[in-house]
């Protein structure tokens, strides 16, 4: 297989790209199953339950990538792997930057309250 790939790399890559273009739902389903253990149907159900908005800020996703608005991110517990909810990239990044520490988020909120402009 390695030799075939090396000899036909451009052809293999084009075949993969064509499959991805022609089967976006299958590709998304496979990625969700492999990464988070949920199906595309599970993701879409969660999205409907959240009214297509982030579970934290209650806003629609605004981040654009390759000319399209990104899908909400699947938030999960990094210790257990349990899926929590769907978040916009900003809220998902915030949780990542504080390593899911609710204490650090509370401390940051207290700091903001203390130094609020009058």
C-alpha atoms as a PDB file:
ATOM      1  CA  UNK A   1       0.000   0.000   0.000  1.00  0.00           C
ATOM      2  CA  UNK A   2       2.827   2.386   0.849  1.00  0.00           C
ATOM      3  CA  UNK A   3       4.353   2.001  -2.607  1.00  0.00           C
ATOM      4  CA  UNK A   4       0.976   2.473  -4.301  1.00  0.00           C
ATOM      5  CA  UNK A   5       0.412   5.678  -2.352  1.00  0.00           C
ATOM      6  CA  UNK A   6       3.878   7.009  -3.139  1.00  0.00           C
ATOM      7  CA  UNK A   7       3.434   6.287  -6.850  1.00  0.00           C
ATOM      8  CA  UNK A   8      -0.143   7.585  -7.029  1.00  0.00           C
ATOM      9  CA  UNK A   9      -0.186  10.259  -4.325  1.00  0.00           C
ATOM     10  CA  UNK A  10      -1.921  12.939  -6.415  1.00  0.00           C
ATOM     11  CA  UNK A  11      -4.582  10.504  -7.581  1.00  0.00           C
ATOM     12  CA  UNK A  12      -5.225   9.181  -4.063  1.00  0.00           C
ATOM     13  CA  UNK A  13      -5.479  12.693  -2.626  1.00  0.00           C
ATOM     14  CA  UNK A  14      -7.895  13.760  -5.359  1.00  0.00           C
ATOM     15  CA  UNK A  15     -10.033  10.659  -4.764  1.00  0.00           C
ATOM     16  CA  UNK A  16     -10.193  11.447  -1.045  1.00  0.00           C
ATOM     17  CA  UNK A  17     -10.989  15.113  -1.719  1.00  0.00           C
ATOM     18  CA  UNK A  18     -13.731  14.124  -4.160  1.00  0.00           C
ATOM     19  CA  UNK A  19     -15.262  11.728  -1.621  1.00  0.00           C
ATOM     20  CA  UNK A  20     -15.231  14.459   1.035  1.00  0.00           C
ATOM     21  CA  UNK A  21     -16.896  16.931  -1.360  1.00  0.00           C
ATOM     22  CA  UNK A  22     -19.567  14.429  -2.388  1.00  0.00           C
ATOM     23  CA  UNK A  23     -20.268  13.025   1.105  1.00  0.00           C
ATOM     24  CA  UNK A  24     -19.982  15.866   3.656  1.00  0.00           C
ATOM     25  CA  UNK A  25     -22.554  14.336   6.034  1.00  0.00           C
ATOM     26  CA  UNK A  26     -20.822  10.951   6.053  1.00  0.00           C
ATOM     27  CA  UNK A  27     -17.471  12.611   6.692  1.00  0.00           C
ATOM     28  CA  UNK A  28     -18.913  14.770   9.509  1.00  0.00           C
ATOM     29  CA  UNK A  29     -20.683  11.751  11.046  1.00  0.00           C
ATOM     30  CA  UNK A  30     -17.470   9.719  10.971  1.00  0.00           C
ATOM     31  CA  UNK A  31     -15.467  12.528  12.579  1.00  0.00           C
ATOM     32  CA  UNK A  32     -18.047  13.085  15.326  1.00  0.00           C
ATOM     33  CA  UNK A  33     -18.233   9.354  16.067  1.00  0.00           C
ATOM     34  CA  UNK A  34     -14.451   8.988  16.172  1.00  0.00           C
ATOM     35  CA  UNK A  35     -13.741  12.097  18.209  1.00  0.00           C
ATOM     36  CA  UNK A  36     -16.719  12.382  20.562  1.00  0.00           C
ATOM     37  CA  UNK A  37     -18.677   9.137  20.251  1.00  0.00           C
ATOM     38  CA  UNK A  38     -21.792  10.876  18.913  1.00  0.00           C
ATOM     39  CA  UNK A  39     -23.449  10.684  15.519  1.00  0.00           C
ATOM     40  CA  UNK A  40     -24.361  13.534  13.220  1.00  0.00           C
ATOM     41  CA  UNK A  41     -27.989  12.851  14.199  1.00  0.00           C
ATOM     42  CA  UNK A  42     -27.025  13.306  17.881  1.00  0.00           C
ATOM     43  CA  UNK A  43     -25.250  16.565  17.034  1.00  0.00           C
ATOM     44  CA  UNK A  44     -28.247  17.849  15.063  1.00  0.00           C
ATOM     45  CA  UNK A  45     -30.610  16.913  17.916  1.00  0.00           C
ATOM     46  CA  UNK A  46     -28.436  18.846  20.384  1.00  0.00           C
ATOM     47  CA  UNK A  47     -28.349  21.776  17.992  1.00  0.00           C
ATOM     48  CA  UNK A  48     -32.169  21.829  17.745  1.00  0.00           C
ATOM     49  CA  UNK A  49     -32.517  21.558  21.542  1.00  0.00           C
ATOM     50  CA  UNK A  50     -30.231  24.591  21.894  1.00  0.00           C
ATOM     51  CA  UNK A  51     -32.114  26.545  19.201  1.00  0.00           C
ATOM     52  CA  UNK A  52     -28.931  26.724  17.087  1.00  0.00           C
ATOM     53  CA  UNK A  53     -27.126  28.864  19.686  1.00  0.00           C
ATOM     54  CA  UNK A  54     -24.201  28.450  22.073  1.00  0.00           C
ATOM     55  CA  UNK A  55     -25.106  26.877  25.431  1.00  0.00           C
ATOM     56  CA  UNK A  56     -23.155  29.577  27.299  1.00  0.00           C
ATOM     57  CA  UNK A  57     -23.568  32.941  25.541  1.00  0.00           C
ATOM     58  CA  UNK A  58     -26.811  32.036  23.705  1.00  0.00           C
ATOM     59  CA  UNK A  59     -25.470  33.523  20.464  1.00  0.00           C
ATOM     60  CA  UNK A  60     -25.153  31.974  17.027  1.00  0.00           C
ATOM     61  CA  UNK A  61     -21.658  31.101  15.852  1.00  0.00           C
ATOM     62  CA  UNK A  62     -19.985  33.971  14.012  1.00  0.00           C
ATOM     63  CA  UNK A  63     -16.540  32.551  13.254  1.00  0.00           C
ATOM     64  CA  UNK A  64     -15.950  32.112   9.536  1.00  0.00           C
ATOM     65  CA  UNK A  65     -13.583  29.526   8.081  1.00  0.00           C
ATOM     66  CA  UNK A  66     -13.059  29.044   4.341  1.00  0.00           C
ATOM     67  CA  UNK A  67     -15.937  31.366   3.595  1.00  0.00           C
ATOM     68  CA  UNK A  68     -18.497  29.572   5.780  1.00  0.00           C
ATOM     69  CA  UNK A  69     -19.753  30.126   9.304  1.00  0.00           C
ATOM     70  CA  UNK A  70     -18.361  27.329  11.442  1.00  0.00           C
ATOM     71  CA  UNK A  71     -20.526  24.783  13.184  1.00  0.00           C
ATOM     72  CA  UNK A  72     -20.865  25.014  16.953  1.00  0.00           C
ATOM     73  CA  UNK A  73     -18.105  23.091  18.724  1.00  0.00           C
ATOM     74  CA  UNK A  74     -18.838  19.930  20.692  1.00  0.00           C
ATOM     75  CA  UNK A  75     -17.831  20.710  24.271  1.00  0.00           C
ATOM     76  CA  UNK A  76     -16.656  17.744  26.305  1.00  0.00           C
ATOM     77  CA  UNK A  77     -15.024  16.960  29.620  1.00  0.00           C
ATOM     78  CA  UNK A  78     -11.336  16.421  28.904  1.00  0.00           C
ATOM     79  CA  UNK A  79     -10.990  13.993  31.820  1.00  0.00           C
ATOM     80  CA  UNK A  80     -13.992  11.716  31.214  1.00  0.00           C
ATOM     81  CA  UNK A  81     -14.620  12.476  27.532  1.00  0.00           C
ATOM     82  CA  UNK A  82     -18.326  13.004  28.276  1.00  0.00           C
ATOM     83  CA  UNK A  83     -20.033  15.332  25.805  1.00  0.00           C
ATOM     84  CA  UNK A  84     -21.611  18.328  27.513  1.00  0.00           C
ATOM     85  CA  UNK A  85     -23.224  20.775  25.065  1.00  0.00           C
ATOM     86  CA  UNK A  86     -22.483  22.743  21.876  1.00  0.00           C
ATOM     87  CA  UNK A  87     -20.544  25.983  22.185  1.00  0.00           C
ATOM     88  CA  UNK A  88     -19.435  28.805  19.919  1.00  0.00           C
ATOM     89  CA  UNK A  89     -15.698  28.905  19.273  1.00  0.00           C
ATOM     90  CA  UNK A  90     -15.216  31.859  21.626  1.00  0.00           C
ATOM     91  CA  UNK A  91     -16.894  30.190  24.622  1.00  0.00           C
ATOM     92  CA  UNK A  92     -15.222  26.871  23.850  1.00  0.00           C
ATOM     93  CA  UNK A  93     -11.844  28.625  23.753  1.00  0.00           C
ATOM     94  CA  UNK A  94     -12.513  30.362  27.073  1.00  0.00           C
ATOM     95  CA  UNK A  95     -13.107  27.006  28.761  1.00  0.00           C
ATOM     96  CA  UNK A  96      -9.981  25.631  27.139  1.00  0.00           C
ATOM     97  CA  UNK A  97      -7.833  28.581  28.229  1.00  0.00           C
ATOM     98  CA  UNK A  98      -8.854  28.096  31.866  1.00  0.00           C
ATOM     99  CA  UNK A  99      -8.525  24.289  31.685  1.00  0.00           C
ATOM    100  CA  UNK A 100     -12.238  23.903  32.572  1.00  0.00           C
ATOM    101  CA  UNK A 101     -11.603  25.544  35.965  1.00  0.00           C
ATOM    102  CA  UNK A 102     -14.825  27.001  37.376  1.00  0.00           C
ATOM    103  CA  UNK A 103     -12.759  28.513  40.208  1.00  0.00           C
ATOM    104  CA  UNK A 104     -10.601  30.446  37.748  1.00  0.00           C
ATOM    105  CA  UNK A 105     -13.699  31.652  35.886  1.00  0.00           C
ATOM    106  CA  UNK A 106     -15.293  32.840  39.151  1.00  0.00           C
ATOM    107  CA  UNK A 107     -12.062  34.598  40.118  1.00  0.00           C
ATOM    108  CA  UNK A 108     -11.953  36.286  36.700  1.00  0.00           C
ATOM    109  CA  UNK A 109     -15.604  37.371  37.060  1.00  0.00           C
ATOM    110  CA  UNK A 110     -14.854  38.816  40.516  1.00  0.00           C
ATOM    111  CA  UNK A 111     -11.872  40.662  39.063  1.00  0.00           C
ATOM    112  CA  UNK A 112     -14.026  42.172  36.308  1.00  0.00           C
ATOM    113  CA  UNK A 113     -16.682  43.238  38.802  1.00  0.00           C
ATOM    114  CA  UNK A 114     -14.067  44.840  41.049  1.00  0.00           C
ATOM    115  CA  UNK A 115     -12.471  46.782  38.189  1.00  0.00           C
ATOM    116  CA  UNK A 116     -15.637  47.708  36.309  1.00  0.00           C
ATOM    117  CA  UNK A 117     -15.522  51.177  34.788  1.00  0.00           C
ATOM    118  CA  UNK A 118     -17.847  53.585  36.584  1.00  0.00           C
END
